[in-house]
Amino acid sequence: MNAICSLDDVPDGGGLEAAPSVLVLRRGGEAWAYRNVCPHFSIPLNYEPDAFWTYEGGLLMCAHHSAMFRFEDGVCVDGPCLGASLRRIPIRIENGVVLVAEDVLTSDARR
């Protein structure tokens, strides 16, 4: 497993691009990771580096199309890709550090 960030690096109720194309969302002690790609047009969810728009610590909005995704499962609940999902990345949190499998990071480099 590779460390991609500290849980404290991710704003509570917000997001951080913790590795290339890997978005980590956090609410309190919970975190979820997804590919930083909107399923609507396959572009990044943020407009500027580390500028993710989140609402009430539970919804992430695509900066380009205003699609709204739930933190806990990545499902689009409003917008042009309603019902589509972000691609989840399995993570583990140990001692406040967010870890991902090595192959998750290297698989993006081959795409």
PDB file of N, CA and C in Angstrom:
ATOM      1  N   MET A   1       0.845  -1.184   0.000  1.00  0.00           N
ATOM      2  CA  MET A   1       0.000   0.000   0.000  1.00  0.00           C
ATOM      3  C   MET A   1       0.888   1.244   0.000  1.00  0.00           C
ATOM      4  N   ASN A   2       0.450   2.256  -0.719  1.00  0.00           N
ATOM      5  CA  ASN A   2       1.167   3.525  -0.805  1.00  0.00           C
ATOM      6  C   ASN A   2       0.389   4.619  -0.097  1.00  0.00           C
ATOM      7  N   ALA A   3       1.083   5.447   0.660  1.00  0.00           N
ATOM      8  CA  ALA A   3       0.469   6.612   1.286  1.00  0.00           C
ATOM      9  C   ALA A   3       0.290   7.685   0.225  1.00  0.00           C
ATOM     10  N   ILE A   4      -0.920   8.245   0.135  1.00  0.00           N
ATOM     11  CA  ILE A   4      -1.147   9.326  -0.831  1.00  0.00           C
ATOM     12  C   ILE A   4      -1.370  10.670  -0.142  1.00  0.00           C
ATOM     13  N   CYS A   5      -1.782  10.650   1.127  1.00  0.00           N
ATOM     14  CA  CYS A   5      -1.934  11.889   1.881  1.00  0.00           C
ATOM     15  C   CYS A   5      -2.263  11.546   3.325  1.00  0.00           C
ATOM     16  N   SER A   6      -2.210  12.551   4.147  1.00  0.00           N
ATOM     17  CA  SER A   6      -2.699  12.428   5.516  1.00  0.00           C
ATOM     18  C   SER A   6      -4.182  12.758   5.481  1.00  0.00           C
ATOM     19  N   LEU A   7      -4.961  12.125   6.323  1.00  0.00           N
ATOM     20  CA  LEU A   7      -6.385  12.445   6.392  1.00  0.00           C
ATOM     21  C   LEU A   7      -6.563  13.930   6.715  1.00  0.00           C
ATOM     22  N   ASP A   8      -5.689  14.479   7.534  1.00  0.00           N
ATOM     23  CA  ASP A   8      -5.764  15.897   7.898  1.00  0.00           C
ATOM     24  C   ASP A   8      -5.460  16.833   6.729  1.00  0.00           C
ATOM     25  N   ASP A   9      -4.827  16.326   5.666  1.00  0.00           N
ATOM     26  CA  ASP A   9      -4.568  17.138   4.473  1.00  0.00           C
ATOM     27  C   ASP A   9      -5.853  17.441   3.712  1.00  0.00           C
ATOM     28  N   VAL A  10      -6.853  16.581   3.878  1.00  0.00           N
ATOM     29  CA  VAL A  10      -8.124  16.723   3.168  1.00  0.00           C
ATOM     30  C   VAL A  10      -9.050  17.572   4.030  1.00  0.00           C
ATOM     31  N   PRO A  11      -9.546  18.687   3.501  1.00  0.00           N
ATOM     32  CA  PRO A  11     -10.446  19.513   4.308  1.00  0.00           C
ATOM     33  C   PRO A  11     -11.686  18.716   4.735  1.00  0.00           C
ATOM     34  N   ASP A  12     -12.070  18.849   5.989  1.00  0.00           N
ATOM     35  CA  ASP A  12     -13.275  18.176   6.468  1.00  0.00           C
ATOM     36  C   ASP A  12     -14.474  18.721   5.694  1.00  0.00           C
ATOM     37  N   GLY A  13     -15.201  17.845   5.016  1.00  0.00           N
ATOM     38  CA  GLY A  13     -16.318  18.258   4.175  1.00  0.00           C
ATOM     39  C   GLY A  13     -15.879  18.683   2.784  1.00  0.00           C
ATOM     40  N   GLY A  14     -14.619  18.389   2.435  1.00  0.00           N
ATOM     41  CA  GLY A  14     -14.095  18.806   1.151  1.00  0.00           C
ATOM     42  C   GLY A  14     -13.292  17.722   0.466  1.00  0.00           C
ATOM     43  N   GLY A  15     -12.510  18.124  -0.525  1.00  0.00           N
ATOM     44  CA  GLY A  15     -11.748  17.171  -1.306  1.00  0.00           C
ATOM     45  C   GLY A  15     -10.340  17.646  -1.587  1.00  0.00           C
ATOM     46  N   LEU A  16      -9.505  16.689  -1.989  1.00  0.00           N
ATOM     47  CA  LEU A  16      -8.098  16.942  -2.309  1.00  0.00           C
ATOM     48  C   LEU A  16      -7.676  15.976  -3.404  1.00  0.00           C
ATOM     49  N   GLU A  17      -6.966  16.480  -4.415  1.00  0.00           N
ATOM     50  CA  GLU A  17      -6.373  15.577  -5.403  1.00  0.00           C
ATOM     51  C   GLU A  17      -5.072  15.091  -4.791  1.00  0.00           C
ATOM     52  N   ALA A  18      -5.125  13.909  -4.190  1.00  0.00           N
ATOM     53  CA  ALA A  18      -4.033  13.389  -3.377  1.00  0.00           C
ATOM     54  C   ALA A  18      -2.940  12.712  -4.193  1.00  0.00           C
ATOM     55  N   ALA A  19      -3.255  12.306  -5.380  1.00  0.00           N
ATOM     56  CA  ALA A  19      -2.304  11.690  -6.313  1.00  0.00           C
ATOM     57  C   ALA A  19      -2.849  12.012  -7.705  1.00  0.00           C
ATOM     58  N   PRO A  20      -2.049  11.864  -8.739  1.00  0.00           N
ATOM     59  CA  PRO A  20      -2.573  12.170 -10.075  1.00  0.00           C
ATOM     60  C   PRO A  20      -3.891  11.444 -10.350  1.00  0.00           C
ATOM     61  N   SER A  21      -4.905  12.205 -10.630  1.00  0.00           N
ATOM     62  CA  SER A  21      -6.245  11.698 -10.961  1.00  0.00           C
ATOM     63  C   SER A  21      -6.946  10.981  -9.820  1.00  0.00           C
ATOM     64  N   VAL A  22      -6.469  11.122  -8.585  1.00  0.00           N
ATOM     65  CA  VAL A  22      -7.114  10.492  -7.432  1.00  0.00           C
ATOM     66  C   VAL A  22      -7.650  11.582  -6.511  1.00  0.00           C
ATOM     67  N   LEU A  23      -8.968  11.629  -6.381  1.00  0.00           N
ATOM     68  CA  LEU A  23      -9.659  12.575  -5.520  1.00  0.00           C
ATOM     69  C   LEU A  23     -10.029  11.884  -4.213  1.00  0.00           C
ATOM     70  N   VAL A  24      -9.670  12.501  -3.085  1.00  0.00           N
ATOM     71  CA  VAL A  24     -10.064  11.994  -1.778  1.00  0.00           C
ATOM     72  C   VAL A  24     -11.055  12.979  -1.176  1.00  0.00           C
ATOM     73  N   LEU A  25     -12.212  12.467  -0.764  1.00  0.00           N
ATOM     74  CA  LEU A  25     -13.234  13.256  -0.084  1.00  0.00           C
ATOM     75  C   LEU A  25     -13.259  12.849   1.374  1.00  0.00           C
ATOM     76  N   ARG A  26     -13.553  13.806   2.250  1.00  0.00           N
ATOM     77  CA  ARG A  26     -13.524  13.502   3.691  1.00  0.00           C
ATOM     78  C   ARG A  26     -14.717  14.124   4.401  1.00  0.00           C
ATOM     79  N   ARG A  27     -15.238  13.363   5.337  1.00  0.00           N
ATOM     80  CA  ARG A  27     -16.235  13.866   6.288  1.00  0.00           C
ATOM     81  C   ARG A  27     -15.853  13.292   7.640  1.00  0.00           C
ATOM     82  N   GLY A  28     -15.320  14.145   8.514  1.00  0.00           N
ATOM     83  CA  GLY A  28     -14.870  13.689   9.822  1.00  0.00           C
ATOM     84  C   GLY A  28     -13.746  12.685   9.666  1.00  0.00           C
ATOM     85  N   GLY A  29     -13.913  11.503  10.291  1.00  0.00           N
ATOM     86  CA  GLY A  29     -12.901  10.457  10.218  1.00  0.00           C
ATOM     87  C   GLY A  29     -13.098   9.511   9.049  1.00  0.00           C
ATOM     88  N   GLU A  30     -14.096   9.770   8.205  1.00  0.00           N
ATOM     89  CA  GLU A  30     -14.355   8.917   7.038  1.00  0.00           C
ATOM     90  C   GLU A  30     -13.771   9.552   5.783  1.00  0.00           C
ATOM     91  N   ALA A  31     -13.362   8.734   4.850  1.00  0.00           N
ATOM     92  CA  ALA A  31     -12.841   9.227   3.574  1.00  0.00           C
ATOM     93  C   ALA A  31     -13.206   8.252   2.468  1.00  0.00           C
ATOM     94  N   TRP A  32     -13.339   8.794   1.265  1.00  0.00           N
ATOM     95  CA  TRP A  32     -13.635   8.013   0.069  1.00  0.00           C
ATOM     96  C   TRP A  32     -12.730   8.519  -1.029  1.00  0.00           C
ATOM     97  N   ALA A  33     -12.342   7.658  -1.943  1.00  0.00           N
ATOM     98  CA  ALA A  33     -11.487   8.069  -3.055  1.00  0.00           C
ATOM     99  C   ALA A  33     -12.121   7.652  -4.376  1.00  0.00           C
ATOM    100  N   TYR A  34     -11.950   8.505  -5.358  1.00  0.00           N
ATOM    101  CA  TYR A  34     -12.492   8.293  -6.705  1.00  0.00           C
ATOM    102  C   TYR A  34     -11.489   8.808  -7.726  1.00  0.00           C
ATOM    103  N   ARG A  35     -11.619   8.325  -8.952  1.00  0.00           N
ATOM    104  CA  ARG A  35     -10.874   8.923 -10.053  1.00  0.00           C
ATOM    105  C   ARG A  35     -11.419  10.340 -10.212  1.00  0.00           C
ATOM    106  N   ASN A  36     -10.539  11.285 -10.429  1.00  0.00           N
ATOM    107  CA  ASN A  36     -10.955  12.678 -10.610  1.00  0.00           C
ATOM    108  C   ASN A  36     -11.385  12.895 -12.058  1.00  0.00           C
ATOM    109  N   VAL A  37     -12.467  12.203 -12.425  1.00  0.00           N
ATOM    110  CA  VAL A  37     -12.984  12.255 -13.788  1.00  0.00           C
ATOM    111  C   VAL A  37     -14.512  12.244 -13.717  1.00  0.00           C
ATOM    112  N   CYS A  38     -15.132  13.261 -14.320  1.00  0.00           N
ATOM    113  CA  CYS A  38     -16.597  13.312 -14.372  1.00  0.00           C
ATOM    114  C   CYS A  38     -17.090  12.303 -15.416  1.00  0.00           C
ATOM    115  N   PRO A  39     -18.070  11.475 -15.079  1.00  0.00           N
ATOM    116  CA  PRO A  39     -18.566  10.501 -16.049  1.00  0.00           C
ATOM    117  C   PRO A  39     -19.337  11.140 -17.207  1.00  0.00           C
ATOM    118  N   HIS A  40     -19.661  12.410 -17.097  1.00  0.00           N
ATOM    119  CA  HIS A  40     -20.413  13.090 -18.162  1.00  0.00           C
ATOM    120  C   HIS A  40     -19.553  13.330 -19.399  1.00  0.00           C
ATOM    121  N   PHE A  41     -18.376  13.951 -19.224  1.00  0.00           N
ATOM    122  CA  PHE A  41     -17.504  14.252 -20.359  1.00  0.00           C
ATOM    123  C   PHE A  41     -16.078  13.772 -20.170  1.00  0.00           C
ATOM    124  N   SER A  42     -15.812  12.966 -19.157  1.00  0.00           N
ATOM    125  CA  SER A  42     -14.468  12.435 -18.879  1.00  0.00           C
ATOM    126  C   SER A  42     -13.418  13.536 -18.720  1.00  0.00           C
ATOM    127  N   ILE A  43     -13.786  14.574 -17.975  1.00  0.00           N
ATOM    128  CA  ILE A  43     -12.851  15.647 -17.652  1.00  0.00           C
ATOM    129  C   ILE A  43     -12.744  15.759 -16.132  1.00  0.00           C
ATOM    130  N   PRO A  44     -11.695  16.420 -15.617  1.00  0.00           N
ATOM    131  CA  PRO A  44     -11.559  16.540 -14.161  1.00  0.00           C
ATOM    132  C   PRO A  44     -12.773  17.228 -13.523  1.00  0.00           C
ATOM    133  N   LEU A  45     -13.052  16.860 -12.297  1.00  0.00           N
ATOM    134  CA  LEU A  45     -14.176  17.428 -11.557  1.00  0.00           C
ATOM    135  C   LEU A  45     -13.888  18.833 -11.048  1.00  0.00           C
ATOM    136  N   ASN A  46     -12.608  19.171 -10.946  1.00  0.00           N
ATOM    137  CA  ASN A  46     -12.234  20.495 -10.461  1.00  0.00           C
ATOM    138  C   ASN A  46     -11.838  21.391 -11.628  1.00  0.00           C
ATOM    139  N   TYR A  47     -11.987  22.701 -11.414  1.00  0.00           N
ATOM    140  CA  TYR A  47     -11.627  23.674 -12.435  1.00  0.00           C
ATOM    141  C   TYR A  47     -10.180  24.113 -12.295  1.00  0.00           C
ATOM    142  N   GLU A  48      -9.714  24.215 -11.049  1.00  0.00           N
ATOM    143  CA  GLU A  48      -8.338  24.578 -10.734  1.00  0.00           C
ATOM    144  C   GLU A  48      -7.777  23.514  -9.804  1.00  0.00           C
ATOM    145  N   PRO A  49      -6.454  23.379  -9.716  1.00  0.00           N
ATOM    146  CA  PRO A  49      -5.873  22.384  -8.800  1.00  0.00           C
ATOM    147  C   PRO A  49      -6.404  22.533  -7.371  1.00  0.00           C
ATOM    148  N   ASP A  50      -6.845  21.435  -6.816  1.00  0.00           N
ATOM    149  CA  ASP A  50      -7.346  21.347  -5.442  1.00  0.00           C
ATOM    150  C   ASP A  50      -8.506  22.273  -5.123  1.00  0.00           C
ATOM    151  N   ALA A  51      -9.208  22.754  -6.140  1.00  0.00           N
ATOM    152  CA  ALA A  51     -10.391  23.584  -5.914  1.00  0.00           C
ATOM    153  C   ALA A  51     -11.636  22.749  -6.220  1.00  0.00           C
ATOM    154  N   PHE A  52     -12.069  21.984  -5.226  1.00  0.00           N
ATOM    155  CA  PHE A  52     -13.254  21.144  -5.382  1.00  0.00           C
ATOM    156  C   PHE A  52     -14.431  21.815  -4.697  1.00  0.00           C
ATOM    157  N   TRP A  53     -15.567  21.829  -5.356  1.00  0.00           N
ATOM    158  CA  TRP A  53     -16.766  22.443  -4.800  1.00  0.00           C
ATOM    159  C   TRP A  53     -17.590  21.372  -4.106  1.00  0.00           C
ATOM    160  N   THR A  54     -17.761  21.522  -2.815  1.00  0.00           N
ATOM    161  CA  THR A  54     -18.527  20.557  -2.032  1.00  0.00           C
ATOM    162  C   THR A  54     -19.610  21.294  -1.251  1.00  0.00           C
ATOM    163  N   TYR A  55     -20.654  20.557  -0.897  1.00  0.00           N
ATOM    164  CA  TYR A  55     -21.801  21.131  -0.202  1.00  0.00           C
ATOM    165  C   TYR A  55     -22.181  20.274   0.989  1.00  0.00           C
ATOM    166  N   GLU A  56     -22.318  20.931   2.124  1.00  0.00           N
ATOM    167  CA  GLU A  56     -22.796  20.306   3.363  1.00  0.00           C
ATOM    168  C   GLU A  56     -22.033  19.036   3.720  1.00  0.00           C
ATOM    169  N   GLY A  57     -20.771  18.951   3.341  1.00  0.00           N
ATOM    170  CA  GLY A  57     -19.951  17.801   3.689  1.00  0.00           C
ATOM    171  C   GLY A  57     -20.454  16.489   3.143  1.00  0.00           C
ATOM    172  N   GLY A  58     -21.245  16.541   2.070  1.00  0.00           N
ATOM    173  CA  GLY A  58     -21.794  15.295   1.551  1.00  0.00           C
ATOM    174  C   GLY A  58     -21.967  15.230   0.054  1.00  0.00           C
ATOM    175  N   LEU A  59     -21.830  16.373  -0.630  1.00  0.00           N
ATOM    176  CA  LEU A  59     -21.997  16.391  -2.081  1.00  0.00           C
ATOM    177  C   LEU A  59     -20.810  17.095  -2.737  1.00  0.00           C
ATOM    178  N   LEU A  60     -20.374  16.531  -3.832  1.00  0.00           N
ATOM    179  CA  LEU A  60     -19.307  17.098  -4.649  1.00  0.00           C
ATOM    180  C   LEU A  60     -19.932  17.548  -5.960  1.00  0.00           C
ATOM    181  N   MET A  61     -19.605  18.768  -6.396  1.00  0.00           N
ATOM    182  CA  MET A  61     -20.155  19.269  -7.652  1.00  0.00           C
ATOM    183  C   MET A  61     -19.061  19.349  -8.705  1.00  0.00           C
ATOM    184  N   CYS A  62     -19.345  18.842  -9.884  1.00  0.00           N
ATOM    185  CA  CYS A  62     -18.429  18.985 -11.017  1.00  0.00           C
ATOM    186  C   CYS A  62     -18.384  20.466 -11.390  1.00  0.00           C
ATOM    187  N   ALA A  63     -17.190  21.013 -11.459  1.00  0.00           N
ATOM    188  CA  ALA A  63     -17.022  22.439 -11.753  1.00  0.00           C
ATOM    189  C   ALA A  63     -17.405  22.800 -13.182  1.00  0.00           C
ATOM    190  N   HIS A  64     -17.535  21.812 -14.058  1.00  0.00           N
ATOM    191  CA  HIS A  64     -17.816  22.095 -15.463  1.00  0.00           C
ATOM    192  C   HIS A  64     -19.282  21.954 -15.837  1.00  0.00           C
ATOM    193  N   HIS A  65     -19.992  21.006 -15.210  1.00  0.00           N
ATOM    194  CA  HIS A  65     -21.370  20.730 -15.627  1.00  0.00           C
ATOM    195  C   HIS A  65     -22.364  20.758 -14.476  1.00  0.00           C
ATOM    196  N   SER A  66     -21.874  21.047 -13.267  1.00  0.00           N
ATOM    197  CA  SER A  66     -22.719  21.135 -12.065  1.00  0.00           C
ATOM    198  C   SER A  66     -23.375  19.817 -11.670  1.00  0.00           C
ATOM    199  N   ALA A  67     -22.871  18.707 -12.148  1.00  0.00           N
ATOM    200  CA  ALA A  67     -23.373  17.405 -11.692  1.00  0.00           C
ATOM    201  C   ALA A  67     -23.008  17.257 -10.217  1.00  0.00           C
ATOM    202  N   MET A  68     -23.914  16.697  -9.418  1.00  0.00           N
ATOM    203  CA  MET A  68     -23.706  16.548  -7.975  1.00  0.00           C
ATOM    204  C   MET A  68     -23.553  15.072  -7.624  1.00  0.00           C
ATOM    205  N   PHE A  69     -22.473  14.737  -6.909  1.00  0.00           N
ATOM    206  CA  PHE A  69     -22.147  13.360  -6.548  1.00  0.00           C
ATOM    207  C   PHE A  69     -22.097  13.205  -5.033  1.00  0.00           C
ATOM    208  N   ARG A  70     -22.656  12.097  -4.526  1.00  0.00           N
ATOM    209  CA  ARG A  70     -22.582  11.813  -3.092  1.00  0.00           C
ATOM    210  C   ARG A  70     -21.183  11.364  -2.728  1.00  0.00           C
ATOM    211  N   PHE A  71     -20.701  11.827  -1.564  1.00  0.00           N
ATOM    212  CA  PHE A  71     -19.385  11.418  -1.077  1.00  0.00           C
ATOM    213  C   PHE A  71     -19.296   9.907  -0.921  1.00  0.00           C
ATOM    214  N   GLU A  72     -20.281   9.310  -0.246  1.00  0.00           N
ATOM    215  CA  GLU A  72     -20.148   7.922   0.204  1.00  0.00           C
ATOM    216  C   GLU A  72     -20.222   6.867  -0.891  1.00  0.00           C
ATOM    217  N   ASP A  73     -20.820   7.175  -2.042  1.00  0.00           N
ATOM    218  CA  ASP A  73     -20.874   6.158  -3.097  1.00  0.00           C
ATOM    219  C   ASP A  73     -20.573   6.696  -4.493  1.00  0.00           C
ATOM    220  N   GLY A  74     -20.360   8.012  -4.623  1.00  0.00           N
ATOM    221  CA  GLY A  74     -20.008   8.600  -5.908  1.00  0.00           C
ATOM    222  C   GLY A  74     -21.124   8.669  -6.920  1.00  0.00           C
ATOM    223  N   VAL A  75     -22.363   8.382  -6.516  1.00  0.00           N
ATOM    224  CA  VAL A  75     -23.493   8.390  -7.439  1.00  0.00           C
ATOM    225  C   VAL A  75     -23.921   9.833  -7.722  1.00  0.00           C
ATOM    226  N   CYS A  76     -24.175  10.120  -8.994  1.00  0.00           N
ATOM    227  CA  CYS A  76     -24.672  11.433  -9.401  1.00  0.00           C
ATOM    228  C   CYS A  76     -26.155  11.514  -9.037  1.00  0.00           C
ATOM    229  N   VAL A  77     -26.501  12.495  -8.208  1.00  0.00           N
ATOM    230  CA  VAL A  77     -27.885  12.645  -7.745  1.00  0.00           C
ATOM    231  C   VAL A  77     -28.584  13.834  -8.393  1.00  0.00           C
ATOM    232  N   ASP A  78     -27.831  14.619  -9.180  1.00  0.00           N
ATOM    233  CA  ASP A  78     -28.426  15.751  -9.872  1.00  0.00           C
ATOM    234  C   ASP A  78     -27.474  16.185 -10.985  1.00  0.00           C
ATOM    235  N   GLY A  79     -28.035  16.569 -12.118  1.00  0.00           N
ATOM    236  CA  GLY A  79     -27.207  17.062 -13.211  1.00  0.00           C
ATOM    237  C   GLY A  79     -27.266  16.195 -14.446  1.00  0.00           C
ATOM    238  N   PRO A  80     -26.401  16.482 -15.417  1.00  0.00           N
ATOM    239  CA  PRO A  80     -26.475  15.849 -16.728  1.00  0.00           C
ATOM    240  C   PRO A  80     -26.123  14.359 -16.763  1.00  0.00           C
ATOM    241  N   CYS A  81     -25.515  13.834 -15.719  1.00  0.00           N
ATOM    242  CA  CYS A  81     -25.183  12.401 -15.725  1.00  0.00           C
ATOM    243  C   CYS A  81     -25.906  11.677 -14.582  1.00  0.00           C
ATOM    244  N   LEU A  82     -27.115  12.101 -14.288  1.00  0.00           N
ATOM    245  CA  LEU A  82     -27.933  11.537 -13.213  1.00  0.00           C
ATOM    246  C   LEU A  82     -27.919  10.008 -13.248  1.00  0.00           C
ATOM    247  N   GLY A  83     -27.567   9.411 -12.108  1.00  0.00           N
ATOM    248  CA  GLY A  83     -27.526   7.957 -11.987  1.00  0.00           C
ATOM    249  C   GLY A  83     -26.170   7.343 -12.299  1.00  0.00           C
ATOM    250  N   ALA A  84     -25.301   8.080 -13.000  1.00  0.00           N
ATOM    251  CA  ALA A  84     -23.943   7.578 -13.270  1.00  0.00           C
ATOM    252  C   ALA A  84     -23.137   7.675 -11.977  1.00  0.00           C
ATOM    253  N   SER A  85     -21.992   7.029 -11.945  1.00  0.00           N
ATOM    254  CA  SER A  85     -21.155   7.036 -10.739  1.00  0.00           C
ATOM    255  C   SER A  85     -19.709   7.377 -11.060  1.00  0.00           C
ATOM    256  N   LEU A  86     -19.068   7.993 -10.084  1.00  0.00           N
ATOM    257  CA  LEU A  86     -17.624   8.168 -10.146  1.00  0.00           C
ATOM    258  C   LEU A  86     -16.973   6.804  -9.974  1.00  0.00           C
ATOM    259  N   ARG A  87     -15.777   6.637 -10.501  1.00  0.00           N
ATOM    260  CA  ARG A  87     -15.064   5.360 -10.373  1.00  0.00           C
ATOM    261  C   ARG A  87     -14.329   5.318  -9.031  1.00  0.00           C
ATOM    262  N   ARG A  88     -14.779   4.437  -8.168  1.00  0.00           N
ATOM    263  CA  ARG A  88     -14.252   4.345  -6.810  1.00  0.00           C
ATOM    264  C   ARG A  88     -12.850   3.732  -6.784  1.00  0.00           C
ATOM    265  N   ILE A  89     -12.042   4.239  -5.877  1.00  0.00           N
ATOM    266  CA  ILE A  89     -10.704   3.715  -5.637  1.00  0.00           C
ATOM    267  C   ILE A  89     -10.674   3.209  -4.199  1.00  0.00           C
ATOM    268  N   PRO A  90     -10.375   1.938  -3.989  1.00  0.00           N
ATOM    269  CA  PRO A  90     -10.322   1.423  -2.622  1.00  0.00           C
ATOM    270  C   PRO A  90      -9.177   2.058  -1.834  1.00  0.00           C
ATOM    271  N   ILE A  91      -9.500   2.511  -0.644  1.00  0.00           N
ATOM    272  CA  ILE A  91      -8.486   3.090   0.234  1.00  0.00           C
ATOM    273  C   ILE A  91      -8.585   2.462   1.611  1.00  0.00           C
ATOM    274  N   ARG A  92      -7.540   2.673   2.379  1.00  0.00           N
ATOM    275  CA  ARG A  92      -7.517   2.251   3.778  1.00  0.00           C
ATOM    276  C   ARG A  92      -6.883   3.399   4.556  1.00  0.00           C
ATOM    277  N   ILE A  93      -7.399   3.652   5.739  1.00  0.00           N
ATOM    278  CA  ILE A  93      -6.826   4.693   6.589  1.00  0.00           C
ATOM    279  C   ILE A  93      -6.169   4.019   7.778  1.00  0.00           C
ATOM    280  N   GLU A  94      -4.876   4.283   7.941  1.00  0.00           N
ATOM    281  CA  GLU A  94      -4.115   3.731   9.062  1.00  0.00           C
ATOM    282  C   GLU A  94      -3.350   4.861   9.731  1.00  0.00           C
ATOM    283  N   ASN A  95      -3.570   5.018  11.016  1.00  0.00           N
ATOM    284  CA  ASN A  95      -2.868   6.062  11.784  1.00  0.00           C
ATOM    285  C   ASN A  95      -2.985   7.432  11.127  1.00  0.00           C
ATOM    286  N   GLY A  96      -4.168   7.726  10.584  1.00  0.00           N
ATOM    287  CA  GLY A  96      -4.412   9.031   9.983  1.00  0.00           C
ATOM    288  C   GLY A  96      -3.824   9.221   8.599  1.00  0.00           C
ATOM    289  N   VAL A  97      -3.351   8.135   7.974  1.00  0.00           N
ATOM    290  CA  VAL A  97      -2.758   8.202   6.641  1.00  0.00           C
ATOM    291  C   VAL A  97      -3.661   7.449   5.657  1.00  0.00           C
ATOM    292  N   VAL A  98      -3.916   8.071   4.501  1.00  0.00           N
ATOM    293  CA  VAL A  98      -4.742   7.448   3.463  1.00  0.00           C
ATOM    294  C   VAL A  98      -3.829   6.628   2.558  1.00  0.00           C
ATOM    295  N   LEU A  99      -4.150   5.340   2.432  1.00  0.00           N
ATOM    296  CA  LEU A  99      -3.334   4.403   1.652  1.00  0.00           C
ATOM    297  C   LEU A  99      -4.134   3.839   0.477  1.00  0.00           C
ATOM    298  N   VAL A 100      -3.434   3.638  -0.646  1.00  0.00           N
ATOM    299  CA  VAL A 100      -4.020   2.954  -1.804  1.00  0.00           C
ATOM    300  C   VAL A 100      -3.050   1.887  -2.265  1.00  0.00           C
ATOM    301  N   ALA A 101      -3.565   0.908  -2.982  1.00  0.00           N
ATOM    302  CA  ALA A 101      -2.717  -0.147  -3.532  1.00  0.00           C
ATOM    303  C   ALA A 101      -1.829   0.424  -4.638  1.00  0.00           C
ATOM    304  N   GLU A 102      -0.622  -0.090  -4.729  1.00  0.00           N
ATOM    305  CA  GLU A 102       0.354   0.358  -5.733  1.00  0.00           C
ATOM    306  C   GLU A 102      -0.214   0.280  -7.144  1.00  0.00           C
ATOM    307  N   ASP A 103      -0.924  -0.803  -7.462  1.00  0.00           N
ATOM    308  CA  ASP A 103      -1.441  -0.972  -8.816  1.00  0.00           C
ATOM    309  C   ASP A 103      -2.472   0.072  -9.192  1.00  0.00           C
ATOM    310  N   VAL A 104      -3.148   0.667  -8.219  1.00  0.00           N
ATOM    311  CA  VAL A 104      -4.119   1.730  -8.500  1.00  0.00           C
ATOM    312  C   VAL A 104      -3.405   2.934  -9.070  1.00  0.00           C
ATOM    313  N   LEU A 105      -2.266   3.280  -8.522  1.00  0.00           N
ATOM    314  CA  LEU A 105      -1.514   4.432  -8.985  1.00  0.00           C
ATOM    315  C   LEU A 105      -0.838   4.182 -10.326  1.00  0.00           C
ATOM    316  N   THR A 106      -0.317   2.998 -10.526  1.00  0.00           N
ATOM    317  CA  THR A 106       0.388   2.701 -11.775  1.00  0.00           C
ATOM    318  C   THR A 106      -0.560   2.430 -12.915  1.00  0.00           C
ATOM    319  N   SER A 107      -1.791   1.996 -12.648  1.00  0.00           N
ATOM    320  CA  SER A 107      -2.738   1.721 -13.727  1.00  0.00           C
ATOM    321  C   SER A 107      -3.120   2.995 -14.458  1.00  0.00           C
ATOM    322  N   ASP A 108      -3.171   4.136 -13.771  1.00  0.00           N
ATOM    323  CA  ASP A 108      -3.466   5.399 -14.436  1.00  0.00           C
ATOM    324  C   ASP A 108      -2.349   5.827 -15.375  1.00  0.00           C
ATOM    325  N   ALA A 109      -1.121   5.525 -15.018  1.00  0.00           N
ATOM    326  CA  ALA A 109       0.016   5.919 -15.848  1.00  0.00           C
ATOM    327  C   ALA A 109      -0.006   5.210 -17.193  1.00  0.00           C
ATOM    328  N   ARG A 110      -0.654   4.035 -17.260  1.00  0.00           N
ATOM    329  CA  ARG A 110      -0.705   3.273 -18.507  1.00  0.00           C
ATOM    330  C   ARG A 110      -1.886   3.673 -19.379  1.00  0.00           C
ATOM    331  N   ARG A 111      -2.770   4.519 -18.870  1.00  0.00           N
ATOM    332  CA  ARG A 111      -3.967   4.879 -19.644  1.00  0.00           C
ATOM    333  C   ARG A 111      -3.773   6.125 -20.434  1.00  0.00           C
TER     334      ARG A 111
END
